[in-house]
Amino acid sequence: MSFVRRLVVGLGGLVFGLAIGLLILVAIMIQFLDYQLVRVDSDSMEPAFERGDLVAIQPVSAENVEDGDVILFRTEVGASVMHRVVGRNEIVTNVQNQEGEIIDRVTEYQFVTQGDANPSPDAERIPGQNVQGKVWFSVPLLGGADTFSLQFFLLLMAGVIILAWISYEGYRFFGRREQKGNASESNGTSTNEQG
């Protein structure tokens, strides 16, 4: 096999392996690690996210949310909204015992949010416990797929890629054995004919 062909096959295998790994990683994170796939259904976050984009949300605790992060949160009426954090408030409450000694400190967080396309911040302050996560990455215009069917599709694609890779490697392995076997037989035949 020529050097160029071996290089192409090796790089192809590497890209194939990375694609499999990425698909499996995303599927596992969504299925088991509280990551979410969310479809953008409004224009409030344009130009960062447009209607129809698919956004992956990673879980985050309120103390790790910073100004500039785009978060997914529940409103008081239970709707899920994705807006950018433009302000953060920490409310620290000291818990004292009967003698007046501080025995615990409780920190609560509230966030001021705003859609990138909106002229002013949202009226409602978001309590830290309502934060569902922050944006991990987005895929433009892939939000047309239902999130459940997309998760199923990712797992299915990972399985198809793995099967294709195993089939290819099996073909290469058994094809080499067969070629070596044919080469041995032809060498043996010619030796017997000469002797």
C-alpha atoms as a PDB file:
ATOM      1  CA  MET A   1       0.000   0.000   0.000  1.00  0.00           C
ATOM      2  CA  SER A   2       1.419   3.380  -0.931  1.00  0.00           C
ATOM      3  CA  PHE A   3       2.272   6.001   1.652  1.00  0.00           C
ATOM      4  CA  VAL A   4      -0.443   8.392   0.439  1.00  0.00           C
ATOM      5  CA  ARG A   5      -3.122   5.707   0.597  1.00  0.00           C
ATOM      6  CA  ARG A   6      -2.049   4.669   4.121  1.00  0.00           C
ATOM      7  CA  LEU A   7      -2.099   8.328   5.165  1.00  0.00           C
ATOM      8  CA  VAL A   8      -5.592   8.867   3.744  1.00  0.00           C
ATOM      9  CA  VAL A   9      -6.901   5.657   5.354  1.00  0.00           C
ATOM     10  CA  GLY A  10      -5.295   6.598   8.689  1.00  0.00           C
ATOM     11  CA  LEU A  11      -6.709  10.125   8.656  1.00  0.00           C
ATOM     12  CA  GLY A  12     -10.096   8.799   7.563  1.00  0.00           C
ATOM     13  CA  GLY A  13     -10.081   6.388  10.504  1.00  0.00           C
ATOM     14  CA  LEU A  14      -9.113   9.206  12.868  1.00  0.00           C
ATOM     15  CA  VAL A  15     -11.901  11.489  11.629  1.00  0.00           C
ATOM     16  CA  PHE A  16     -14.341   8.581  11.764  1.00  0.00           C
ATOM     17  CA  GLY A  17     -13.306   7.777  15.331  1.00  0.00           C
ATOM     18  CA  LEU A  18     -13.618  11.401  16.420  1.00  0.00           C
ATOM     19  CA  ALA A  19     -17.094  11.631  14.859  1.00  0.00           C
ATOM     20  CA  ILE A  20     -18.177   8.502  16.714  1.00  0.00           C
ATOM     21  CA  GLY A  21     -16.734   9.783  19.959  1.00  0.00           C
ATOM     22  CA  LEU A  22     -18.427  13.147  19.614  1.00  0.00           C
ATOM     23  CA  LEU A  23     -21.823  11.645  18.795  1.00  0.00           C
ATOM     24  CA  ILE A  24     -21.607   9.211  21.701  1.00  0.00           C
ATOM     25  CA  LEU A  25     -20.411  11.944  24.079  1.00  0.00           C
ATOM     26  CA  VAL A  26     -23.261  14.300  23.175  1.00  0.00           C
ATOM     27  CA  ALA A  27     -25.846  11.504  23.382  1.00  0.00           C
ATOM     28  CA  ILE A  28     -24.575  10.358  26.812  1.00  0.00           C
ATOM     29  CA  MET A  29     -24.438  13.900  28.170  1.00  0.00           C
ATOM     30  CA  ILE A  30     -28.001  14.586  27.072  1.00  0.00           C
ATOM     31  CA  GLN A  31     -29.345  11.261  28.278  1.00  0.00           C
ATOM     32  CA  PHE A  32     -27.558  10.872  31.626  1.00  0.00           C
ATOM     33  CA  LEU A  33     -25.918  14.145  32.721  1.00  0.00           C
ATOM     34  CA  ASP A  34     -28.854  16.608  32.703  1.00  0.00           C
ATOM     35  CA  TYR A  35     -27.769  18.382  29.528  1.00  0.00           C
ATOM     36  CA  GLN A  36     -30.703  19.566  27.409  1.00  0.00           C
ATOM     37  CA  LEU A  37     -31.379  20.308  23.776  1.00  0.00           C
ATOM     38  CA  VAL A  38     -33.580  23.361  23.303  1.00  0.00           C
ATOM     39  CA  ARG A  39     -35.107  24.760  20.136  1.00  0.00           C
ATOM     40  CA  VAL A  40     -35.097  28.556  19.836  1.00  0.00           C
ATOM     41  CA  ASP A  41     -38.730  29.632  19.332  1.00  0.00           C
ATOM     42  CA  SER A  42     -38.433  33.430  19.438  1.00  0.00           C
ATOM     43  CA  ASP A  43     -36.387  36.264  17.956  1.00  0.00           C
ATOM     44  CA  SER A  44     -35.381  37.789  21.313  1.00  0.00           C
ATOM     45  CA  MET A  45     -31.793  36.460  21.158  1.00  0.00           C
ATOM     46  CA  GLU A  46     -30.957  37.512  17.596  1.00  0.00           C
ATOM     47  CA  PRO A  47     -28.298  37.748  16.233  1.00  0.00           C
ATOM     48  CA  ALA A  48     -26.657  35.274  18.663  1.00  0.00           C
ATOM     49  CA  PHE A  49     -29.430  32.699  18.193  1.00  0.00           C
ATOM     50  CA  GLU A  50     -32.121  32.763  15.553  1.00  0.00           C
ATOM     51  CA  ARG A  51     -35.524  31.129  15.495  1.00  0.00           C
ATOM     52  CA  GLY A  52     -35.044  27.460  14.587  1.00  0.00           C
ATOM     53  CA  ASP A  53     -31.535  27.074  16.035  1.00  0.00           C
ATOM     54  CA  LEU A  54     -30.831  24.100  18.289  1.00  0.00           C
ATOM     55  CA  VAL A  55     -29.032  24.958  21.530  1.00  0.00           C
ATOM     56  CA  ALA A  56     -27.320  22.536  23.914  1.00  0.00           C
ATOM     57  CA  ILE A  57     -27.717  23.586  27.553  1.00  0.00           C
ATOM     58  CA  GLN A  58     -25.253  22.429  30.193  1.00  0.00           C
ATOM     59  CA  PRO A  59     -26.259  22.250  33.851  1.00  0.00           C
ATOM     60  CA  VAL A  60     -24.807  25.027  36.009  1.00  0.00           C
ATOM     61  CA  SER A  61     -25.191  26.088  39.623  1.00  0.00           C
ATOM     62  CA  ALA A  62     -26.297  29.655  40.309  1.00  0.00           C
ATOM     63  CA  GLU A  63     -22.978  30.658  41.875  1.00  0.00           C
ATOM     64  CA  ASN A  64     -21.190  29.800  38.610  1.00  0.00           C
ATOM     65  CA  VAL A  65     -23.392  31.997  36.402  1.00  0.00           C
ATOM     66  CA  GLU A  66     -21.591  35.163  35.312  1.00  0.00           C
ATOM     67  CA  ASP A  67     -22.522  38.364  33.511  1.00  0.00           C
ATOM     68  CA  GLY A  68     -22.657  37.690  29.781  1.00  0.00           C
ATOM     69  CA  ASP A  69     -23.683  34.026  30.113  1.00  0.00           C
ATOM     70  CA  VAL A  70     -26.776  32.990  28.183  1.00  0.00           C
ATOM     71  CA  ILE A  71     -28.949  30.973  30.560  1.00  0.00           C
ATOM     72  CA  LEU A  72     -32.114  28.923  30.316  1.00  0.00           C
ATOM     73  CA  PHE A  73     -34.485  29.661  33.200  1.00  0.00           C
ATOM     74  CA  ARG A  74     -38.074  29.143  34.355  1.00  0.00           C
ATOM     75  CA  THR A  75     -40.226  32.219  34.818  1.00  0.00           C
ATOM     76  CA  GLU A  76     -42.740  32.607  37.641  1.00  0.00           C
ATOM     77  CA  VAL A  77     -45.462  31.261  35.362  1.00  0.00           C
ATOM     78  CA  GLY A  78     -43.366  28.195  34.480  1.00  0.00           C
ATOM     79  CA  ALA A  79     -42.260  29.133  30.948  1.00  0.00           C
ATOM     80  CA  SER A  80     -38.677  28.363  29.894  1.00  0.00           C
ATOM     81  CA  VAL A  81     -36.781  31.382  28.554  1.00  0.00           C
ATOM     82  CA  MET A  82     -33.234  31.746  27.231  1.00  0.00           C
ATOM     83  CA  HIS A  83     -31.708  35.218  27.744  1.00  0.00           C
ATOM     84  CA  ARG A  84     -28.326  36.766  28.515  1.00  0.00           C
ATOM     85  CA  VAL A  85     -27.339  37.690  32.099  1.00  0.00           C
ATOM     86  CA  VAL A  86     -26.765  41.460  32.317  1.00  0.00           C
ATOM     87  CA  GLY A  87     -26.710  41.720  36.112  1.00  0.00           C
ATOM     88  CA  ARG A  88     -26.166  39.519  39.137  1.00  0.00           C
ATOM     89  CA  ASN A  89     -27.169  40.100  42.751  1.00  0.00           C
ATOM     90  CA  GLU A  90     -25.923  38.120  45.732  1.00  0.00           C
ATOM     91  CA  ILE A  91     -28.092  38.207  48.838  1.00  0.00           C
ATOM     92  CA  VAL A  92     -26.165  36.984  51.867  1.00  0.00           C
ATOM     93  CA  THR A  93     -28.093  36.080  55.013  1.00  0.00           C
ATOM     94  CA  ASN A  94     -26.246  35.369  58.241  1.00  0.00           C
ATOM     95  CA  VAL A  95     -27.837  32.743  60.468  1.00  0.00           C
ATOM     96  CA  GLN A  96     -27.203  33.380  64.152  1.00  0.00           C
ATOM     97  CA  ASN A  97     -27.686  31.274  67.236  1.00  0.00           C
ATOM     98  CA  GLN A  98     -29.305  32.594  70.454  1.00  0.00           C
ATOM     99  CA  GLU A  99     -26.019  34.117  71.604  1.00  0.00           C
ATOM    100  CA  GLY A 100     -25.764  36.161  68.394  1.00  0.00           C
ATOM    101  CA  GLU A 101     -22.892  34.154  66.925  1.00  0.00           C
ATOM    102  CA  ILE A 102     -22.992  33.555  63.187  1.00  0.00           C
ATOM    103  CA  ILE A 103     -23.381  29.812  62.680  1.00  0.00           C
ATOM    104  CA  ASP A 104     -24.163  29.769  58.972  1.00  0.00           C
ATOM    105  CA  ARG A 105     -24.169  32.027  55.950  1.00  0.00           C
ATOM    106  CA  VAL A 106     -26.750  31.505  53.209  1.00  0.00           C
ATOM    107  CA  THR A 107     -26.151  33.061  49.787  1.00  0.00           C
ATOM    108  CA  GLU A 108     -28.999  33.457  47.324  1.00  0.00           C
ATOM    109  CA  TYR A 109     -28.577  34.686  43.779  1.00  0.00           C
ATOM    110  CA  GLN A 110     -30.825  36.746  41.553  1.00  0.00           C
ATOM    111  CA  PHE A 111     -30.159  37.528  37.916  1.00  0.00           C
ATOM    112  CA  VAL A 112     -31.125  40.378  35.642  1.00  0.00           C
ATOM    113  CA  THR A 113     -31.585  39.071  32.110  1.00  0.00           C
ATOM    114  CA  GLN A 114     -32.200  40.538  28.692  1.00  0.00           C
ATOM    115  CA  GLY A 115     -32.715  39.200  25.211  1.00  0.00           C
ATOM    116  CA  ASP A 116     -30.007  40.485  22.840  1.00  0.00           C
ATOM    117  CA  ALA A 117     -32.683  41.880  20.502  1.00  0.00           C
ATOM    118  CA  ASN A 118     -34.704  43.478  23.318  1.00  0.00           C
ATOM    119  CA  PRO A 119     -34.206  47.188  24.089  1.00  0.00           C
ATOM    120  CA  SER A 120     -34.346  46.784  27.881  1.00  0.00           C
ATOM    121  CA  PRO A 121     -33.785  44.141  30.580  1.00  0.00           C
ATOM    122  CA  ASP A 122     -36.561  41.754  31.594  1.00  0.00           C
ATOM    123  CA  ALA A 123     -38.850  43.081  34.346  1.00  0.00           C
ATOM    124  CA  GLU A 124     -38.672  39.864  36.379  1.00  0.00           C
ATOM    125  CA  ARG A 125     -35.555  39.094  38.436  1.00  0.00           C
ATOM    126  CA  ILE A 126     -34.605  35.427  38.130  1.00  0.00           C
ATOM    127  CA  PRO A 127     -33.911  33.526  41.376  1.00  0.00           C
ATOM    128  CA  GLY A 128     -30.894  31.216  41.242  1.00  0.00           C
ATOM    129  CA  GLN A 129     -33.041  28.125  41.808  1.00  0.00           C
ATOM    130  CA  ASN A 130     -34.894  28.852  38.543  1.00  0.00           C
ATOM    131  CA  VAL A 131     -31.733  28.598  36.428  1.00  0.00           C
ATOM    132  CA  GLN A 132     -31.855  25.370  34.397  1.00  0.00           C
ATOM    133  CA  GLY A 133     -28.437  25.748  32.764  1.00  0.00           C
ATOM    134  CA  LYS A 134     -26.327  27.841  30.434  1.00  0.00           C
ATOM    135  CA  VAL A 135     -25.629  27.597  26.712  1.00  0.00           C
ATOM    136  CA  TRP A 136     -22.924  25.079  25.834  1.00  0.00           C
ATOM    137  CA  PHE A 137     -23.115  25.299  22.032  1.00  0.00           C
ATOM    138  CA  SER A 138     -25.638  25.838  19.268  1.00  0.00           C
ATOM    139  CA  VAL A 139     -26.297  24.430  15.813  1.00  0.00           C
ATOM    140  CA  PRO A 140     -27.976  26.861  13.404  1.00  0.00           C
ATOM    141  CA  LEU A 141     -31.343  25.810  11.945  1.00  0.00           C
ATOM    142  CA  LEU A 142     -31.261  22.281  13.391  1.00  0.00           C
ATOM    143  CA  GLY A 143     -34.024  23.065  15.867  1.00  0.00           C
ATOM    144  CA  GLY A 144     -36.713  21.871  13.476  1.00  0.00           C
ATOM    145  CA  ALA A 145     -36.157  18.362  14.821  1.00  0.00           C
ATOM    146  CA  ASP A 146     -38.000  17.361  17.959  1.00  0.00           C
ATOM    147  CA  THR A 147     -35.468  17.035  20.793  1.00  0.00           C
ATOM    148  CA  PHE A 148     -36.464  13.448  21.635  1.00  0.00           C
ATOM    149  CA  SER A 149     -36.175  12.344  18.030  1.00  0.00           C
ATOM    150  CA  LEU A 150     -32.846  14.203  17.784  1.00  0.00           C
ATOM    151  CA  GLN A 151     -31.474  12.304  20.780  1.00  0.00           C
ATOM    152  CA  PHE A 152     -32.644   9.066  19.201  1.00  0.00           C
ATOM    153  CA  PHE A 153     -31.095  10.147  15.888  1.00  0.00           C
ATOM    154  CA  LEU A 154     -27.738  10.890  17.579  1.00  0.00           C
ATOM    155  CA  LEU A 155     -27.682   7.472  19.220  1.00  0.00           C
ATOM    156  CA  LEU A 156     -28.746   5.799  15.965  1.00  0.00           C
ATOM    157  CA  MET A 157     -26.047   7.636  13.990  1.00  0.00           C
ATOM    158  CA  ALA A 158     -23.416   6.650  16.533  1.00  0.00           C
ATOM    159  CA  GLY A 159     -24.519   3.020  16.186  1.00  0.00           C
ATOM    160  CA  VAL A 160     -24.473   3.163  12.378  1.00  0.00           C
ATOM    161  CA  ILE A 161     -21.014   4.739  12.366  1.00  0.00           C
ATOM    162  CA  ILE A 162     -19.697   2.123  14.794  1.00  0.00           C
ATOM    163  CA  LEU A 163     -21.140  -0.726  12.706  1.00  0.00           C
ATOM    164  CA  ALA A 164     -19.708   0.775   9.529  1.00  0.00           C
ATOM    165  CA  TRP A 165     -16.309   1.139  11.141  1.00  0.00           C
ATOM    166  CA  ILE A 166     -16.336  -2.421  12.476  1.00  0.00           C
ATOM    167  CA  SER A 167     -17.419  -3.708   9.057  1.00  0.00           C
ATOM    168  CA  TYR A 168     -14.667  -1.763   7.330  1.00  0.00           C
ATOM    169  CA  GLU A 169     -11.998  -2.995   9.751  1.00  0.00           C
ATOM    170  CA  GLY A 170     -13.279  -6.567   9.395  1.00  0.00           C
ATOM    171  CA  TYR A 171     -13.170  -6.291   5.609  1.00  0.00           C
ATOM    172  CA  ARG A 172      -9.603  -4.967   5.769  1.00  0.00           C
ATOM    173  CA  PHE A 173      -8.510  -7.707   8.172  1.00  0.00           C
ATOM    174  CA  PHE A 174     -10.146 -10.644   6.384  1.00  0.00           C
ATOM    175  CA  GLY A 175      -9.298  -9.213   2.963  1.00  0.00           C
ATOM    176  CA  ARG A 176      -5.604  -9.187   3.905  1.00  0.00           C
ATOM    177  CA  ARG A 177      -5.797 -12.749   5.224  1.00  0.00           C
ATOM    178  CA  GLU A 178      -7.456 -13.887   2.027  1.00  0.00           C
ATOM    179  CA  GLN A 179      -4.875 -12.085  -0.114  1.00  0.00           C
ATOM    180  CA  LYS A 180      -2.042 -13.653   1.899  1.00  0.00           C
ATOM    181  CA  GLY A 181      -3.703 -17.056   1.599  1.00  0.00           C
ATOM    182  CA  ASN A 182      -4.052 -16.701  -2.178  1.00  0.00           C
ATOM    183  CA  ALA A 183      -0.455 -15.551  -2.453  1.00  0.00           C
ATOM    184  CA  SER A 184       0.708 -18.593  -0.448  1.00  0.00           C
ATOM    185  CA  GLU A 185      -1.364 -20.972  -2.564  1.00  0.00           C
ATOM    186  CA  SER A 186      -0.050 -19.543  -5.815  1.00  0.00           C
ATOM    187  CA  ASN A 187       3.529 -19.769  -4.520  1.00  0.00           C
ATOM    188  CA  GLY A 188       2.936 -23.352  -3.348  1.00  0.00           C
ATOM    189  CA  THR A 189       1.368 -24.354  -6.637  1.00  0.00           C
ATOM    190  CA  SER A 190       4.167 -22.956  -8.702  1.00  0.00           C
ATOM    191  CA  THR A 191       6.771 -24.622  -6.455  1.00  0.00           C
ATOM    192  CA  ASN A 192       5.041 -28.015  -6.803  1.00  0.00           C
ATOM    193  CA  GLU A 193       4.841 -27.648 -10.553  1.00  0.00           C
ATOM    194  CA  GLN A 194       8.543 -26.884 -10.761  1.00  0.00           C
ATOM    195  CA  GLY A 195       9.514 -29.805  -8.544  1.00  0.00           C
END
